[in-house]
Amino acid sequence: VFYNVTSTNILDYGINKLSIYPNPSRDIFNISLTSEYVQNLKVKVLNTIGEEILSEYLEQFIGKYTKQINLRNNASGIYFLEIETNKGIINKKVILQ
């Protein structure tokens, strides 16, 4: 199962081709996105009470970004992928089974 986002709203943030898969997952999520121009990005995974599970800062980033996130040691439930760009924040839900 792929979760692809190609909304013009995301393009407004300078992000294109955002994919989160598989979603839901039992342990590993793959994230792929393209930054259309040079910008600072912060990619975070948060639990339902807002605690950071992981965080990665990408300074002056442009191009394709791919990341494999392993949530094997976390409880099943809903998590949030948060991508902070120079123009705002994109939030997406990920489900760990």
Protein backbone atom coordinates (compact mmCIF):
# COMPACT_ATOMS: atom_id res chain seq x y z
CA VAL A 1 0.00 0.00 0.00
CA PHE A 2 1.40 3.38 -1.01
CA TYR A 3 0.33 6.73 0.37
CA ASN A 4 1.18 9.29 -2.31
CA VAL A 5 0.53 12.98 -1.95
CA THR A 6 0.66 15.22 -5.00
CA SER A 7 -1.54 18.03 -3.74
CA THR A 8 -0.98 21.61 -4.81
CA ASN A 9 -0.95 22.44 -1.09
CA ILE A 10 2.28 20.51 -0.67
CA LEU A 11 3.73 22.21 -3.73
CA ASP A 12 3.07 25.50 -1.94
CA TYR A 13 5.67 24.33 0.62
CA GLY A 14 8.23 23.54 -2.06
CA ILE A 15 7.73 19.79 -1.63
CA ASN A 16 6.76 17.45 -4.44
CA LYS A 17 6.20 13.70 -4.76
CA LEU A 18 5.76 12.91 -1.06
CA SER A 19 5.38 9.16 -0.49
CA ILE A 20 4.99 7.28 2.78
CA TYR A 21 4.90 3.49 2.43
CA PRO A 22 3.85 0.98 3.51
CA ASN A 23 1.19 2.69 5.57
CA PRO A 24 0.08 1.01 7.77
CA SER A 25 3.26 -0.88 8.63
CA ARG A 26 4.38 -3.38 11.26
CA ASP A 27 7.79 -1.76 11.77
CA ILE A 28 9.47 0.10 8.88
CA PHE A 29 8.19 3.12 6.94
CA ASN A 30 9.82 4.54 3.83
CA ILE A 31 9.62 8.27 3.21
CA SER A 32 10.44 9.85 -0.10
CA LEU A 33 10.05 13.48 -1.14
CA THR A 34 11.55 16.04 -3.47
CA SER A 35 12.43 19.59 -2.44
CA GLU A 36 11.84 21.83 -5.44
CA TYR A 37 14.29 24.51 -4.28
CA VAL A 38 17.03 25.06 -1.69
CA GLN A 39 15.48 25.23 1.78
CA ASN A 40 15.96 24.08 5.35
CA LEU A 41 13.92 20.98 6.17
CA LYS A 42 13.24 19.30 9.47
CA VAL A 43 11.74 15.81 9.31
CA LYS A 44 10.24 14.50 12.55
CA VAL A 45 8.17 11.56 13.73
CA LEU A 46 5.94 12.32 16.73
CA ASN A 47 3.73 10.14 18.89
CA THR A 48 0.12 11.09 19.68
CA ILE A 49 1.12 13.25 22.65
CA GLY A 50 3.68 15.20 20.63
CA GLU A 51 6.88 13.54 21.83
CA GLU A 52 9.62 13.36 19.20
CA ILE A 53 10.47 9.78 18.25
CA LEU A 54 13.11 10.92 15.78
CA SER A 55 14.25 14.10 14.11
CA GLU A 56 16.52 14.96 11.20
CA TYR A 57 17.59 18.45 10.11
CA LEU A 58 18.51 19.05 6.47
CA GLU A 59 20.22 22.40 5.96
CA GLN A 60 20.02 24.09 2.54
CA PHE A 61 18.56 20.94 0.99
CA ILE A 62 17.36 20.53 -2.60
CA GLY A 63 16.50 17.38 -4.53
CA LYS A 64 15.30 13.92 -3.57
CA TYR A 65 15.23 12.76 0.05
CA THR A 66 14.60 9.16 1.06
CA LYS A 67 14.61 7.75 4.57
CA GLN A 68 13.73 4.43 6.14
CA ILE A 69 12.22 4.79 9.61
CA ASN A 70 12.20 1.81 11.93
CA LEU A 71 9.49 1.98 14.62
CA ARG A 72 9.87 -1.70 15.63
CA ASN A 73 10.60 -0.80 19.26
CA ASN A 74 7.59 1.51 19.57
CA ALA A 75 4.04 0.69 20.61
CA SER A 76 1.40 0.07 17.96
CA GLY A 77 -0.73 3.10 17.20
CA ILE A 78 -0.86 6.37 15.30
CA TYR A 79 2.24 8.49 14.73
CA PHE A 80 2.71 11.73 12.83
CA LEU A 81 5.28 12.58 10.20
CA GLU A 82 6.01 16.30 10.36
CA ILE A 83 8.00 18.02 7.63
CA GLU A 84 8.93 21.58 8.47
CA THR A 85 9.89 23.72 5.47
CA ASN A 86 10.77 27.39 5.03
CA LYS A 87 7.11 28.03 4.14
CA GLY A 88 5.29 25.97 6.76
CA ILE A 89 4.67 22.51 8.18
CA ILE A 90 3.26 19.41 6.46
CA ASN A 91 1.72 16.77 8.75
CA LYS A 92 0.87 13.20 7.72
CA LYS A 93 -0.43 10.29 9.76
CA VAL A 94 1.37 6.94 9.86
CA ILE A 95 -0.07 3.83 11.47
CA LEU A 96 2.07 1.23 13.22
CA GLN A 97 0.28 -2.11 13.52
